[in-house]
Amino acid sequence: MAMLPSDSLHHGIVENSPYRTAKGVNQEAGKLGASWYFSRKEIEENSPSKKDGIDLKKESYLRKSYCTYLQDLGMRLKVPQVTIATSIVFCHRFYLRQSHAKNDRRVSVSQ
């Protein structure tokens, strides 16, 4: 699968990176592998949310909404931007493996 230069730049993927696995390596049928580096197509086709009936437009909205929330919260708490960015990356990674349908972003773990 060839990636467009814009895909690489947009997702922080470096084509010749040692962290980028070859297609099919570390992948079970239809699942994302152990790597954290994926093309846009891999993300869209293998999303757990998609498998649970959430379309791409809704999933994009949910991702944008939690990013906006985390950015706003971080700014109000006056934490460094790198801390805010890290929290956003962790959320993206979580929702790469978990469905939005099964994990409501507004529900606290302690409830």
Protein backbone atom coordinates (compact mmCIF):
# COMPACT_ATOMS: atom_id res chain seq x y z
CA MET A 1 0.00 0.00 0.00
CA ALA A 2 1.49 3.32 -1.05
CA MET A 3 0.96 6.25 1.25
CA LEU A 4 0.53 9.78 0.04
CA PRO A 5 3.07 12.29 1.35
CA SER A 6 0.24 14.19 3.01
CA ASP A 7 -0.76 11.04 4.95
CA SER A 8 2.78 10.65 6.29
CA LEU A 9 3.07 14.25 7.36
CA HIS A 10 -0.42 14.47 8.79
CA HIS A 11 -0.08 11.40 10.98
CA GLY A 12 3.59 11.82 11.92
CA ILE A 13 4.58 8.67 10.03
CA VAL A 14 8.12 8.48 8.74
CA GLU A 15 8.29 6.18 5.71
CA ASN A 16 11.71 4.70 6.51
CA SER A 17 11.23 4.62 10.27
CA PRO A 18 12.38 1.47 12.08
CA TYR A 19 9.11 1.70 14.04
CA ARG A 20 6.97 1.26 10.93
CA THR A 21 6.23 -2.42 10.44
CA ALA A 22 5.85 -4.05 7.05
CA LYS A 23 2.31 -4.62 5.88
CA GLY A 24 0.98 -7.78 7.45
CA VAL A 25 3.60 -7.96 10.19
CA ASN A 26 2.09 -7.90 13.69
CA GLN A 27 -1.41 -8.01 12.23
CA GLU A 28 -4.14 -10.53 12.70
CA ALA A 29 -6.86 -10.69 10.07
CA GLY A 30 -8.54 -7.28 9.99
CA LYS A 31 -7.00 -6.01 13.24
CA LEU A 32 -4.49 -3.29 13.95
CA GLY A 33 -1.06 -4.63 14.87
CA ALA A 34 1.26 -3.92 17.78
CA SER A 35 2.70 -0.79 16.16
CA TRP A 36 1.36 2.69 16.89
CA TYR A 37 2.01 3.90 13.33
CA PHE A 38 -0.89 3.53 10.90
CA SER A 39 -1.97 5.04 7.62
CA ARG A 40 -5.26 6.87 7.45
CA LYS A 41 -6.69 3.93 5.48
CA GLU A 42 -5.64 1.41 8.15
CA ILE A 43 -7.29 3.50 10.85
CA GLU A 44 -10.50 4.01 8.91
CA GLU A 45 -10.86 0.37 7.84
CA ASN A 46 -9.99 -1.24 11.19
CA SER A 47 -11.60 1.13 13.66
CA PRO A 48 -13.31 -0.66 16.58
CA SER A 49 -15.94 2.09 16.51
CA LYS A 50 -16.72 1.35 12.86
CA LYS A 51 -17.21 -2.31 13.73
CA ASP A 52 -19.71 -1.19 16.40
CA GLY A 53 -21.74 0.85 13.91
CA ILE A 54 -20.25 4.34 14.31
CA ASP A 55 -19.64 5.91 10.92
CA LEU A 56 -16.46 7.78 10.01
CA LYS A 57 -18.09 11.22 10.25
CA LYS A 58 -19.39 10.56 13.79
CA GLU A 59 -16.07 9.06 14.89
CA SER A 60 -14.21 12.10 13.55
CA TYR A 61 -16.60 14.35 15.46
CA LEU A 62 -16.03 12.39 18.69
CA ARG A 63 -12.25 12.57 18.25
CA LYS A 64 -12.37 16.30 17.62
CA SER A 65 -14.63 16.88 20.62
CA TYR A 66 -12.34 15.12 23.11
CA CYS A 67 -9.30 16.92 21.67
CA THR A 68 -11.07 20.26 22.09
CA TYR A 69 -12.11 19.33 25.63
CA LEU A 70 -8.58 18.30 26.63
CA GLN A 71 -7.05 21.42 25.08
CA ASP A 72 -9.53 23.67 26.91
CA LEU A 73 -9.10 21.84 30.21
CA GLY A 74 -5.32 21.94 29.97
CA MET A 75 -5.33 25.65 29.26
CA ARG A 76 -7.65 26.35 32.20
CA LEU A 77 -5.40 24.27 34.46
CA LYS A 78 -2.36 26.10 33.06
CA VAL A 79 -0.41 22.92 32.31
CA PRO A 80 2.31 22.94 29.63
CA GLN A 81 1.21 22.41 26.03
CA VAL A 82 3.32 19.26 25.84
CA THR A 83 1.18 17.80 28.65
CA ILE A 84 -2.00 18.64 26.75
CA ALA A 85 -0.62 17.13 23.55
CA THR A 86 0.40 13.97 25.40
CA SER A 87 -3.10 13.55 26.82
CA ILE A 88 -4.55 13.88 23.32
CA VAL A 89 -2.12 11.27 21.95
CA PHE A 90 -3.09 8.86 24.74
CA CYS A 91 -6.78 9.33 23.91
CA HIS A 92 -6.12 8.71 20.21
CA ARG A 93 -4.20 5.55 21.09
CA PHE A 94 -6.96 4.37 23.42
CA TYR A 95 -9.62 4.79 20.73
CA LEU A 96 -7.45 2.99 18.18
CA ARG A 97 -8.00 -0.15 20.28
CA GLN A 98 -11.37 0.61 21.92
CA SER A 99 -14.73 1.58 20.50
CA HIS A 100 -16.40 4.92 21.14
CA ALA A 101 -19.65 2.92 21.36
CA LYS A 102 -18.40 1.01 24.42
CA ASN A 103 -16.40 3.79 26.11
CA ASP A 104 -18.27 7.04 26.63
CA ARG A 105 -15.70 9.81 26.95
CA ARG A 106 -17.90 11.69 29.44
CA VAL A 107 -18.12 8.87 32.01
CA SER A 108 -15.67 8.87 34.89
CA VAL A 109 -13.89 5.63 35.78
CA SER A 110 -14.84 6.06 39.44
CA GLN A 111 -18.58 5.90 38.75
